[in-house]
Amino acid sequence: MKLRINWTRLGKSTLVALCIVVGDFLLLALINHHFEKLPPQWVMSMLHFIFWPLSFTQRIFPPAPGEPMDIPTHLAVHSAGLIDLIVFTCLVYLLWSLLDRNKKSGVLSRES
């Protein structure tokens, strides 16, 4: 099996993944700004799914001595965002590749 990368699809997948990551971040910021106190927990847990790598990168890039331990470093946040972008790009690319493969094989044809 020869692995070929469709560079156009990869570029589009990266843009869609970037929109997902930025959109989730902006929605989280908007909800935090809208509520005077903390938003409902189910809203926060639904929106925090995008920040799962931050728990790992905080351990890799801890704050300097004397800095607060509850605030992540910029390097931890940016590397978590990069991991998110890579993961979502792979997922979107995989889904578009499977959809294209099914279209070519006739699985998704409307002639039933």
PDB file of N, CA and C in Angstrom:
ATOM      1  N   MET A   1       0.842  -1.174   0.000  1.00  0.00           N
ATOM      2  CA  MET A   1       0.000   0.000   0.000  1.00  0.00           C
ATOM      3  C   MET A   1       0.887   1.236   0.000  1.00  0.00           C
ATOM      4  N   LYS A   2       0.686   2.052  -0.993  1.00  0.00           N
ATOM      5  CA  LYS A   2       1.487   3.254  -1.119  1.00  0.00           C
ATOM      6  C   LYS A   2       0.731   4.431  -0.512  1.00  0.00           C
ATOM      7  N   LEU A   3       1.398   5.159   0.343  1.00  0.00           N
ATOM      8  CA  LEU A   3       0.786   6.291   1.020  1.00  0.00           C
ATOM      9  C   LEU A   3       1.091   7.558   0.230  1.00  0.00           C
ATOM     10  N   ARG A   4       0.045   8.197  -0.275  1.00  0.00           N
ATOM     11  CA  ARG A   4       0.193   9.458  -0.998  1.00  0.00           C
ATOM     12  C   ARG A   4      -0.590  10.534  -0.274  1.00  0.00           C
ATOM     13  N   ILE A   5       0.017  11.694  -0.159  1.00  0.00           N
ATOM     14  CA  ILE A   5      -0.626  12.806   0.516  1.00  0.00           C
ATOM     15  C   ILE A   5      -1.180  13.765  -0.526  1.00  0.00           C
ATOM     16  N   ASN A   6      -2.441  14.102  -0.374  1.00  0.00           N
ATOM     17  CA  ASN A   6      -3.075  15.107  -1.203  1.00  0.00           C
ATOM     18  C   ASN A   6      -2.843  16.453  -0.517  1.00  0.00           C
ATOM     19  N   TRP A   7      -1.925  17.253  -1.070  1.00  0.00           N
ATOM     20  CA  TRP A   7      -1.509  18.484  -0.407  1.00  0.00           C
ATOM     21  C   TRP A   7      -2.630  19.519  -0.359  1.00  0.00           C
ATOM     22  N   THR A   8      -3.493  19.524  -1.356  1.00  0.00           N
ATOM     23  CA  THR A   8      -4.630  20.443  -1.340  1.00  0.00           C
ATOM     24  C   THR A   8      -5.571  20.093  -0.194  1.00  0.00           C
ATOM     25  N   ARG A   9      -5.856  18.812  -0.039  1.00  0.00           N
ATOM     26  CA  ARG A   9      -6.730  18.362   1.051  1.00  0.00           C
ATOM     27  C   ARG A   9      -6.088  18.637   2.409  1.00  0.00           C
ATOM     28  N   LEU A  10      -4.765  18.480   2.493  1.00  0.00           N
ATOM     29  CA  LEU A  10      -4.068  18.748   3.752  1.00  0.00           C
ATOM     30  C   LEU A  10      -4.147  20.228   4.113  1.00  0.00           C
ATOM     31  N   GLY A  11      -4.003  21.099   3.113  1.00  0.00           N
ATOM     32  CA  GLY A  11      -4.123  22.533   3.379  1.00  0.00           C
ATOM     33  C   GLY A  11      -5.519  22.919   3.827  1.00  0.00           C
ATOM     34  N   LYS A  12      -6.523  22.365   3.158  1.00  0.00           N
ATOM     35  CA  LYS A  12      -7.903  22.641   3.563  1.00  0.00           C
ATOM     36  C   LYS A  12      -8.197  22.077   4.947  1.00  0.00           C
ATOM     37  N   SER A  13      -7.654  20.912   5.246  1.00  0.00           N
ATOM     38  CA  SER A  13      -7.852  20.305   6.568  1.00  0.00           C
ATOM     39  C   SER A  13      -7.224  21.160   7.652  1.00  0.00           C
ATOM     40  N   THR A  14      -6.062  21.737   7.363  1.00  0.00           N
ATOM     41  CA  THR A  14      -5.407  22.605   8.336  1.00  0.00           C
ATOM     42  C   THR A  14      -6.242  23.853   8.595  1.00  0.00           C
ATOM     43  N   LEU A  15      -6.812  24.420   7.542  1.00  0.00           N
ATOM     44  CA  LEU A  15      -7.654  25.604   7.722  1.00  0.00           C
ATOM     45  C   LEU A  15      -8.912  25.287   8.526  1.00  0.00           C
ATOM     46  N   VAL A  16      -9.542  24.153   8.243  1.00  0.00           N
ATOM     47  CA  VAL A  16     -10.744  23.770   8.999  1.00  0.00           C
ATOM     48  C   VAL A  16     -10.376  23.501  10.462  1.00  0.00           C
ATOM     49  N   ALA A  17      -9.258  22.829  10.705  1.00  0.00           N
ATOM     50  CA  ALA A  17      -8.830  22.560  12.076  1.00  0.00           C
ATOM     51  C   ALA A  17      -8.508  23.860  12.811  1.00  0.00           C
ATOM     52  N   LEU A  18      -7.889  24.792  12.116  1.00  0.00           N
ATOM     53  CA  LEU A  18      -7.596  26.090  12.730  1.00  0.00           C
ATOM     54  C   LEU A  18      -8.886  26.828  13.075  1.00  0.00           C
ATOM     55  N   CYS A  19      -9.883  26.737  12.211  1.00  0.00           N
ATOM     56  CA  CYS A  19     -11.187  27.350  12.505  1.00  0.00           C
ATOM     57  C   CYS A  19     -11.846  26.699  13.715  1.00  0.00           C
ATOM     58  N   ILE A  20     -11.712  25.392  13.853  1.00  0.00           N
ATOM     59  CA  ILE A  20     -12.285  24.693  15.009  1.00  0.00           C
ATOM     60  C   ILE A  20     -11.611  25.155  16.301  1.00  0.00           C
ATOM     61  N   VAL A  21     -10.290  25.213  16.298  1.00  0.00           N
ATOM     62  CA  VAL A  21      -9.551  25.591  17.507  1.00  0.00           C
ATOM     63  C   VAL A  21      -9.816  27.049  17.872  1.00  0.00           C
ATOM     64  N   VAL A  22      -9.742  27.948  16.901  1.00  0.00           N
ATOM     65  CA  VAL A  22      -9.966  29.371  17.181  1.00  0.00           C
ATOM     66  C   VAL A  22     -11.428  29.622  17.552  1.00  0.00           C
ATOM     67  N   GLY A  23     -12.352  28.959  16.874  1.00  0.00           N
ATOM     68  CA  GLY A  23     -13.765  29.127  17.191  1.00  0.00           C
ATOM     69  C   GLY A  23     -14.097  28.673  18.598  1.00  0.00           C
ATOM     70  N   ASP A  24     -13.523  27.558  19.013  1.00  0.00           N
ATOM     71  CA  ASP A  24     -13.773  27.081  20.373  1.00  0.00           C
ATOM     72  C   ASP A  24     -13.189  28.045  21.398  1.00  0.00           C
ATOM     73  N   PHE A  25     -12.007  28.570  21.111  1.00  0.00           N
ATOM     74  CA  PHE A  25     -11.389  29.530  22.029  1.00  0.00           C
ATOM     75  C   PHE A  25     -12.218  30.805  22.140  1.00  0.00           C
ATOM     76  N   LEU A  26     -12.685  31.322  21.005  1.00  0.00           N
ATOM     77  CA  LEU A  26     -13.491  32.546  21.031  1.00  0.00           C
ATOM     78  C   LEU A  26     -14.836  32.323  21.718  1.00  0.00           C
ATOM     79  N   LEU A  27     -15.439  31.167  21.498  1.00  0.00           N
ATOM     80  CA  LEU A  27     -16.702  30.859  22.166  1.00  0.00           C
ATOM     81  C   LEU A  27     -16.505  30.753  23.675  1.00  0.00           C
ATOM     82  N   LEU A  28     -15.402  30.149  24.101  1.00  0.00           N
ATOM     83  CA  LEU A  28     -15.096  30.056  25.528  1.00  0.00           C
ATOM     84  C   LEU A  28     -14.872  31.444  26.123  1.00  0.00           C
ATOM     85  N   ALA A  29     -14.155  32.308  25.413  1.00  0.00           N
ATOM     86  CA  ALA A  29     -13.918  33.667  25.907  1.00  0.00           C
ATOM     87  C   ALA A  29     -15.217  34.465  25.966  1.00  0.00           C
ATOM     88  N   LEU A  30     -16.077  34.291  24.967  1.00  0.00           N
ATOM     89  CA  LEU A  30     -17.359  35.000  24.941  1.00  0.00           C
ATOM     90  C   LEU A  30     -18.255  34.556  26.091  1.00  0.00           C
ATOM     91  N   ILE A  31     -18.297  33.271  26.355  1.00  0.00           N
ATOM     92  CA  ILE A  31     -19.136  32.761  27.451  1.00  0.00           C
ATOM     93  C   ILE A  31     -18.591  33.215  28.795  1.00  0.00           C
ATOM     94  N   ASN A  32     -17.263  33.199  28.962  1.00  0.00           N
ATOM     95  CA  ASN A  32     -16.683  33.678  30.219  1.00  0.00           C
ATOM     96  C   ASN A  32     -16.946  35.166  30.416  1.00  0.00           C
ATOM     97  N   HIS A  33     -16.967  35.936  29.334  1.00  0.00           N
ATOM     98  CA  HIS A  33     -17.224  37.367  29.440  1.00  0.00           C
ATOM     99  C   HIS A  33     -18.702  37.648  29.719  1.00  0.00           C
ATOM    100  N   HIS A  34     -19.576  36.802  29.200  1.00  0.00           N
ATOM    101  CA  HIS A  34     -21.019  37.014  29.337  1.00  0.00           C
ATOM    102  C   HIS A  34     -21.507  36.799  30.767  1.00  0.00           C
ATOM    103  N   PHE A  35     -20.999  35.794  31.434  1.00  0.00           N
ATOM    104  CA  PHE A  35     -21.439  35.480  32.786  1.00  0.00           C
ATOM    105  C   PHE A  35     -20.640  36.303  33.793  1.00  0.00           C
ATOM    106  N   GLU A  36     -21.337  36.872  34.785  1.00  0.00           N
ATOM    107  CA  GLU A  36     -20.630  37.626  35.821  1.00  0.00           C
ATOM    108  C   GLU A  36     -19.860  36.677  36.735  1.00  0.00           C
ATOM    109  N   LYS A  37     -20.514  35.600  37.098  1.00  0.00           N
ATOM    110  CA  LYS A  37     -19.835  34.573  37.891  1.00  0.00           C
ATOM    111  C   LYS A  37     -19.428  33.460  36.940  1.00  0.00           C
ATOM    112  N   LEU A  38     -19.136  32.317  37.468  1.00  0.00           N
ATOM    113  CA  LEU A  38     -18.751  31.197  36.614  1.00  0.00           C
ATOM    114  C   LEU A  38     -19.932  30.690  35.801  1.00  0.00           C
ATOM    115  N   PRO A  39     -19.712  30.341  34.538  1.00  0.00           N
ATOM    116  CA  PRO A  39     -20.785  29.750  33.737  1.00  0.00           C
ATOM    117  C   PRO A  39     -21.156  28.372  34.286  1.00  0.00           C
ATOM    118  N   PRO A  40     -22.280  27.821  33.855  1.00  0.00           N
ATOM    119  CA  PRO A  40     -22.643  26.472  34.302  1.00  0.00           C
ATOM    120  C   PRO A  40     -21.541  25.463  33.965  1.00  0.00           C
ATOM    121  N   GLN A  41     -21.390  24.483  34.818  1.00  0.00           N
ATOM    122  CA  GLN A  41     -20.291  23.526  34.662  1.00  0.00           C
ATOM    123  C   GLN A  41     -20.407  22.713  33.378  1.00  0.00           C
ATOM    124  N   TRP A  42     -21.628  22.399  32.940  1.00  0.00           N
ATOM    125  CA  TRP A  42     -21.770  21.596  31.721  1.00  0.00           C
ATOM    126  C   TRP A  42     -21.301  22.385  30.502  1.00  0.00           C
ATOM    127  N   VAL A  43     -21.457  23.713  30.536  1.00  0.00           N
ATOM    128  CA  VAL A  43     -20.967  24.537  29.426  1.00  0.00           C
ATOM    129  C   VAL A  43     -19.450  24.543  29.418  1.00  0.00           C
ATOM    130  N   MET A  44     -18.870  24.706  30.584  1.00  0.00           N
ATOM    131  CA  MET A  44     -17.406  24.755  30.667  1.00  0.00           C
ATOM    132  C   MET A  44     -16.778  23.414  30.287  1.00  0.00           C
ATOM    133  N   SER A  45     -17.370  22.318  30.707  1.00  0.00           N
ATOM    134  CA  SER A  45     -16.796  21.014  30.369  1.00  0.00           C
ATOM    135  C   SER A  45     -16.936  20.717  28.886  1.00  0.00           C
ATOM    136  N   MET A  46     -18.005  21.238  28.269  1.00  0.00           N
ATOM    137  CA  MET A  46     -18.187  21.023  26.840  1.00  0.00           C
ATOM    138  C   MET A  46     -17.150  21.815  26.036  1.00  0.00           C
ATOM    139  N   LEU A  47     -16.802  22.992  26.493  1.00  0.00           N
ATOM    140  CA  LEU A  47     -15.869  23.830  25.766  1.00  0.00           C
ATOM    141  C   LEU A  47     -14.408  23.542  26.097  1.00  0.00           C
ATOM    142  N   HIS A  48     -14.156  22.908  27.218  1.00  0.00           N
ATOM    143  CA  HIS A  48     -12.766  22.630  27.594  1.00  0.00           C
ATOM    144  C   HIS A  48     -12.203  21.375  26.940  1.00  0.00           C
ATOM    145  N   PHE A  49     -12.985  20.701  26.093  1.00  0.00           N
ATOM    146  CA  PHE A  49     -12.453  19.499  25.455  1.00  0.00           C
ATOM    147  C   PHE A  49     -11.265  19.837  24.566  1.00  0.00           C
ATOM    148  N   ILE A  50     -11.195  21.061  24.100  1.00  0.00           N
ATOM    149  CA  ILE A  50     -10.128  21.447  23.190  1.00  0.00           C
ATOM    150  C   ILE A  50      -8.806  21.661  23.930  1.00  0.00           C
ATOM    151  N   PHE A  51      -8.871  21.843  25.242  1.00  0.00           N
ATOM    152  CA  PHE A  51      -7.669  22.142  26.006  1.00  0.00           C
ATOM    153  C   PHE A  51      -7.081  20.924  26.711  1.00  0.00           C
ATOM    154  N   TRP A  52      -7.402  19.705  26.257  1.00  0.00           N
ATOM    155  CA  TRP A  52      -6.886  18.519  26.932  1.00  0.00           C
ATOM    156  C   TRP A  52      -5.358  18.421  26.911  1.00  0.00           C
ATOM    157  N   PRO A  53      -4.644  18.895  25.874  1.00  0.00           N
ATOM    158  CA  PRO A  53      -3.182  18.752  25.940  1.00  0.00           C
ATOM    159  C   PRO A  53      -2.525  19.688  26.944  1.00  0.00           C
ATOM    160  N   LEU A  54      -3.259  20.696  27.420  1.00  0.00           N
ATOM    161  CA  LEU A  54      -2.655  21.649  28.347  1.00  0.00           C
ATOM    162  C   LEU A  54      -2.238  20.981  29.650  1.00  0.00           C
ATOM    163  N   SER A  55      -2.966  19.965  30.071  1.00  0.00           N
ATOM    164  CA  SER A  55      -2.579  19.276  31.308  1.00  0.00           C
ATOM    165  C   SER A  55      -1.235  18.568  31.149  1.00  0.00           C
ATOM    166  N   PHE A  56      -0.932  18.119  29.931  1.00  0.00           N
ATOM    167  CA  PHE A  56       0.361  17.471  29.685  1.00  0.00           C
ATOM    168  C   PHE A  56       1.475  18.505  29.507  1.00  0.00           C
ATOM    169  N   THR A  57       1.192  19.561  28.756  1.00  0.00           N
ATOM    170  CA  THR A  57       2.251  20.539  28.484  1.00  0.00           C
ATOM    171  C   THR A  57       2.585  21.376  29.721  1.00  0.00           C
ATOM    172  N   GLN A  58       1.648  21.498  30.670  1.00  0.00           N
ATOM    173  CA  GLN A  58       1.971  22.191  31.911  1.00  0.00           C
ATOM    174  C   GLN A  58       3.008  21.418  32.715  1.00  0.00           C
ATOM    175  N   ARG A  59       2.989  20.102  32.594  1.00  0.00           N
ATOM    176  CA  ARG A  59       3.991  19.294  33.295  1.00  0.00           C
ATOM    177  C   ARG A  59       5.347  19.347  32.592  1.00  0.00           C
ATOM    178  N   ILE A  60       5.320  19.496  31.275  1.00  0.00           N
ATOM    179  CA  ILE A  60       6.579  19.574  30.525  1.00  0.00           C
ATOM    180  C   ILE A  60       7.218  20.947  30.680  1.00  0.00           C
ATOM    181  N   PHE A  61       6.405  22.010  30.671  1.00  0.00           N
ATOM    182  CA  PHE A  61       6.894  23.383  30.784  1.00  0.00           C
ATOM    183  C   PHE A  61       6.329  24.030  32.047  1.00  0.00           C
ATOM    184  N   PRO A  62       6.874  23.700  33.230  1.00  0.00           N
ATOM    185  CA  PRO A  62       6.340  24.271  34.477  1.00  0.00           C
ATOM    186  C   PRO A  62       6.740  25.746  34.600  1.00  0.00           C
ATOM    187  N   PRO A  63       6.014  26.492  35.444  1.00  0.00           N
ATOM    188  CA  PRO A  63       6.372  27.899  35.660  1.00  0.00           C
ATOM    189  C   PRO A  63       7.725  28.026  36.360  1.00  0.00           C
ATOM    190  N   ALA A  64       8.330  29.165  36.183  1.00  0.00           N
ATOM    191  CA  ALA A  64       9.620  29.422  36.828  1.00  0.00           C
ATOM    192  C   ALA A  64       9.422  29.514  38.337  1.00  0.00           C
ATOM    193  N   PRO A  65      10.472  29.262  39.094  1.00  0.00           N
ATOM    194  CA  PRO A  65      10.352  29.381  40.555  1.00  0.00           C
ATOM    195  C   PRO A  65       9.934  30.800  40.954  1.00  0.00           C
ATOM    196  N   GLY A  66       8.960  30.873  41.839  1.00  0.00           N
ATOM    197  CA  GLY A  66       8.458  32.156  42.299  1.00  0.00           C
ATOM    198  C   GLY A  66       7.210  32.616  41.572  1.00  0.00           C
ATOM    199  N   GLU A  67       6.886  31.992  40.450  1.00  0.00           N
ATOM    200  CA  GLU A  67       5.670  32.343  39.721  1.00  0.00           C
ATOM    201  C   GLU A  67       4.516  31.469  40.222  1.00  0.00           C
ATOM    202  N   PRO A  68       3.262  31.948  40.066  1.00  0.00           N
ATOM    203  CA  PRO A  68       2.128  31.140  40.534  1.00  0.00           C
ATOM    204  C   PRO A  68       2.022  29.824  39.763  1.00  0.00           C
ATOM    205  N   MET A  69       1.695  28.765  40.487  1.00  0.00           N
ATOM    206  CA  MET A  69       1.647  27.433  39.874  1.00  0.00           C
ATOM    207  C   MET A  69       0.345  27.175  39.124  1.00  0.00           C
ATOM    208  N   ASP A  70      -0.714  27.942  39.404  1.00  0.00           N
ATOM    209  CA  ASP A  70      -2.001  27.678  38.777  1.00  0.00           C
ATOM    210  C   ASP A  70      -2.140  28.338  37.403  1.00  0.00           C
ATOM    211  N   ILE A  71      -1.221  29.213  37.015  1.00  0.00           N
ATOM    212  CA  ILE A  71      -1.275  29.878  35.716  1.00  0.00           C
ATOM    213  C   ILE A  71      -0.269  29.196  34.783  1.00  0.00           C
ATOM    214  N   PRO A  72      -0.725  28.678  33.643  1.00  0.00           N
ATOM    215  CA  PRO A  72       0.212  28.002  32.739  1.00  0.00           C
ATOM    216  C   PRO A  72       1.132  28.999  32.039  1.00  0.00           C
ATOM    217  N   THR A  73       2.297  28.545  31.658  1.00  0.00           N
ATOM    218  CA  THR A  73       3.243  29.393  30.942  1.00  0.00           C
ATOM    219  C   THR A  73       2.787  29.561  29.491  1.00  0.00           C
ATOM    220  N   HIS A  74       3.318  30.577  28.842  1.00  0.00           N
ATOM    221  CA  HIS A  74       2.970  30.814  27.441  1.00  0.00           C
ATOM    222  C   HIS A  74       3.418  29.645  26.568  1.00  0.00           C
ATOM    223  N   LEU A  75       4.572  29.091  26.877  1.00  0.00           N
ATOM    224  CA  LEU A  75       5.080  27.966  26.095  1.00  0.00           C
ATOM    225  C   LEU A  75       4.168  26.749  26.225  1.00  0.00           C
ATOM    226  N   ALA A  76       3.623  26.521  27.416  1.00  0.00           N
ATOM    227  CA  ALA A  76       2.704  25.395  27.611  1.00  0.00           C
ATOM    228  C   ALA A  76       1.413  25.600  26.833  1.00  0.00           C
ATOM    229  N   VAL A  77       0.888  26.827  26.829  1.00  0.00           N
ATOM    230  CA  VAL A  77      -0.360  27.114  26.125  1.00  0.00           C
ATOM    231  C   VAL A  77      -0.161  26.997  24.619  1.00  0.00           C
ATOM    232  N   HIS A  78       0.930  27.555  24.102  1.00  0.00           N
ATOM    233  CA  HIS A  78       1.165  27.516  22.661  1.00  0.00           C
ATOM    234  C   HIS A  78       1.459  26.101  22.157  1.00  0.00           C
ATOM    235  N   SER A  79       2.190  25.329  22.942  1.00  0.00           N
ATOM    236  CA  SER A  79       2.454  23.958  22.512  1.00  0.00           C
ATOM    237  C   SER A  79       1.185  23.107  22.587  1.00  0.00           C
ATOM    238  N   ALA A  80       0.303  23.377  23.549  1.00  0.00           N
ATOM    239  CA  ALA A  80      -0.981  22.667  23.606  1.00  0.00           C
ATOM    240  C   ALA A  80      -1.843  23.030  22.402  1.00  0.00           C
ATOM    241  N   GLY A  81      -1.820  24.295  22.007  1.00  0.00           N
ATOM    242  CA  GLY A  81      -2.554  24.705  20.811  1.00  0.00           C
ATOM    243  C   GLY A  81      -2.015  24.051  19.551  1.00  0.00           C
ATOM    244  N   LEU A  82      -0.698  23.903  19.473  1.00  0.00           N
ATOM    245  CA  LEU A  82      -0.097  23.229  18.319  1.00  0.00           C
ATOM    246  C   LEU A  82      -0.479  21.754  18.277  1.00  0.00           C
ATOM    247  N   ILE A  83      -0.503  21.109  19.431  1.00  0.00           N
ATOM    248  CA  ILE A  83      -0.924  19.702  19.484  1.00  0.00           C
ATOM    249  C   ILE A  83      -2.376  19.572  19.047  1.00  0.00           C
ATOM    250  N   ASP A  84      -3.240  20.481  19.523  1.00  0.00           N
ATOM    251  CA  ASP A  84      -4.644  20.478  19.100  1.00  0.00           C
ATOM    252  C   ASP A  84      -4.774  20.649  17.598  1.00  0.00           C
ATOM    253  N   LEU A  85      -4.019  21.579  17.046  1.00  0.00           N
ATOM    254  CA  LEU A  85      -4.084  21.830  15.608  1.00  0.00           C
ATOM    255  C   LEU A  85      -3.645  20.603  14.822  1.00  0.00           C
ATOM    256  N   ILE A  86      -2.607  19.931  15.265  1.00  0.00           N
ATOM    257  CA  ILE A  86      -2.128  18.726  14.580  1.00  0.00           C
ATOM    258  C   ILE A  86      -3.165  17.611  14.665  1.00  0.00           C
ATOM    259  N   VAL A  87      -3.749  17.411  15.848  1.00  0.00           N
ATOM    260  CA  VAL A  87      -4.731  16.340  16.023  1.00  0.00           C
ATOM    261  C   VAL A  87      -5.976  16.600  15.176  1.00  0.00           C
ATOM    262  N   PHE A  88      -6.501  17.822  15.215  1.00  0.00           N
ATOM    263  CA  PHE A  88      -7.698  18.122  14.432  1.00  0.00           C
ATOM    264  C   PHE A  88      -7.423  18.102  12.934  1.00  0.00           C
ATOM    265  N   THR A  89      -6.230  18.514  12.518  1.00  0.00           N
ATOM    266  CA  THR A  89      -5.872  18.426  11.103  1.00  0.00           C
ATOM    267  C   THR A  89      -5.864  16.974  10.651  1.00  0.00           C
ATOM    268  N   CYS A  90      -5.296  16.096  11.455  1.00  0.00           N
ATOM    269  CA  CYS A  90      -5.280  14.664  11.102  1.00  0.00           C
ATOM    270  C   CYS A  90      -6.693  14.092  11.037  1.00  0.00           C
ATOM    271  N   LEU A  91      -7.542  14.472  11.985  1.00  0.00           N
ATOM    272  CA  LEU A  91      -8.916  13.959  11.982  1.00  0.00           C
ATOM    273  C   LEU A  91      -9.703  14.432  10.763  1.00  0.00           C
ATOM    274  N   VAL A  92      -9.602  15.723  10.443  1.00  0.00           N
ATOM    275  CA  VAL A  92     -10.339  16.251   9.292  1.00  0.00           C
ATOM    276  C   VAL A  92      -9.796  15.653   7.998  1.00  0.00           C
ATOM    277  N   TYR A  93      -8.470  15.519   7.885  1.00  0.00           N
ATOM    278  CA  TYR A  93      -7.875  14.923   6.691  1.00  0.00           C
ATOM    279  C   TYR A  93      -8.331  13.469   6.531  1.00  0.00           C
ATOM    280  N   LEU A  94      -8.357  12.733   7.627  1.00  0.00           N
ATOM    281  CA  LEU A  94      -8.798  11.333   7.577  1.00  0.00           C
ATOM    282  C   LEU A  94     -10.259  11.232   7.152  1.00  0.00           C
ATOM    283  N   LEU A  95     -11.108  12.076   7.707  1.00  0.00           N
ATOM    284  CA  LEU A  95     -12.529  12.032   7.343  1.00  0.00           C
ATOM    285  C   LEU A  95     -12.747  12.397   5.875  1.00  0.00           C
ATOM    286  N   TRP A  96     -12.058  13.430   5.375  1.00  0.00           N
ATOM    287  CA  TRP A  96     -12.196  13.791   3.967  1.00  0.00           C
ATOM    288  C   TRP A  96     -11.634  12.709   3.051  1.00  0.00           C
ATOM    289  N   SER A  97     -10.560  12.046   3.469  1.00  0.00           N
ATOM    290  CA  SER A  97      -9.995  10.961   2.657  1.00  0.00           C
ATOM    291  C   SER A  97     -10.955   9.779   2.585  1.00  0.00           C
ATOM    292  N   LEU A  98     -11.572   9.434   3.712  1.00  0.00           N
ATOM    293  CA  LEU A  98     -12.537   8.337   3.714  1.00  0.00           C
ATOM    294  C   LEU A  98     -13.764   8.682   2.880  1.00  0.00           C
ATOM    295  N   LEU A  99     -14.221   9.916   2.966  1.00  0.00           N
ATOM    296  CA  LEU A  99     -15.361  10.347   2.162  1.00  0.00           C
ATOM    297  C   LEU A  99     -15.036  10.285   0.673  1.00  0.00           C
ATOM    298  N   ASP A 100     -13.841  10.718   0.304  1.00  0.00           N
ATOM    299  CA  ASP A 100     -13.439  10.670  -1.102  1.00  0.00           C
ATOM    300  C   ASP A 100     -13.296   9.232  -1.590  1.00  0.00           C
ATOM    301  N   ARG A 101     -12.747   8.375  -0.744  1.00  0.00           N
ATOM    302  CA  ARG A 101     -12.601   6.961  -1.116  1.00  0.00           C
ATOM    303  C   ARG A 101     -13.964   6.311  -1.314  1.00  0.00           C
ATOM    304  N   ASN A 102     -14.928   6.625  -0.433  1.00  0.00           N
ATOM    305  CA  ASN A 102     -16.269   6.056  -0.566  1.00  0.00           C
ATOM    306  C   ASN A 102     -16.989   6.591  -1.792  1.00  0.00           C
ATOM    307  N   LYS A 103     -16.749   7.852  -2.142  1.00  0.00           N
ATOM    308  CA  LYS A 103     -17.362   8.403  -3.351  1.00  0.00           C
ATOM    309  C   LYS A 103     -16.811   7.727  -4.598  1.00  0.00           C
ATOM    310  N   LYS A 104     -15.516   7.476  -4.613  1.00  0.00           N
ATOM    311  CA  LYS A 104     -14.893   6.849  -5.784  1.00  0.00           C
ATOM    312  C   LYS A 104     -15.305   5.396  -5.939  1.00  0.00           C
ATOM    313  N   SER A 105     -15.532   4.710  -4.823  1.00  0.00           N
ATOM    314  CA  SER A 105     -15.914   3.298  -4.905  1.00  0.00           C
ATOM    315  C   SER A 105     -17.402   3.120  -5.151  1.00  0.00           C
ATOM    316  N   GLY A 106     -18.173   4.177  -5.067  1.00  0.00           N
ATOM    317  CA  GLY A 106     -19.593   4.105  -5.337  1.00  0.00           C
ATOM    318  C   GLY A 106     -20.441   3.761  -4.138  1.00  0.00           C
ATOM    319  N   VAL A 107     -19.848   3.753  -2.932  1.00  0.00           N
ATOM    320  CA  VAL A 107     -20.606   3.437  -1.738  1.00  0.00           C
ATOM    321  C   VAL A 107     -21.618   4.538  -1.437  1.00  0.00           C
ATOM    322  N   LEU A 108     -21.255   5.776  -1.719  1.00  0.00           N
ATOM    323  CA  LEU A 108     -22.134   6.892  -1.413  1.00  0.00           C
ATOM    324  C   LEU A 108     -22.919   7.389  -2.617  1.00  0.00           C
ATOM    325  N   SER A 109     -23.044   6.565  -3.643  1.00  0.00           N
ATOM    326  CA  SER A 109     -23.788   7.018  -4.810  1.00  0.00           C
ATOM    327  C   SER A 109     -25.282   7.057  -4.502  1.00  0.00           C
ATOM    328  N   ARG A 110     -26.002   7.906  -5.196  1.00  0.00           N
ATOM    329  CA  ARG A 110     -27.439   8.063  -4.945  1.00  0.00           C
ATOM    330  C   ARG A 110     -28.274   7.143  -5.815  1.00  0.00           C
ATOM    331  N   GLU A 111     -27.676   6.288  -6.557  1.00  0.00           N
ATOM    332  CA  GLU A 111     -28.421   5.365  -7.433  1.00  0.00           C
ATOM    333  C   GLU A 111     -28.730   4.092  -6.670  1.00  0.00           C
ATOM    334  N   SER A 112     -29.742   4.119  -5.848  1.00  0.00           N
ATOM    335  CA  SER A 112     -30.107   2.930  -5.069  1.00  0.00           C
ATOM    336  C   SER A 112     -31.479   2.443  -5.452  1.00  0.00           C
TER     337      SER A 112
END
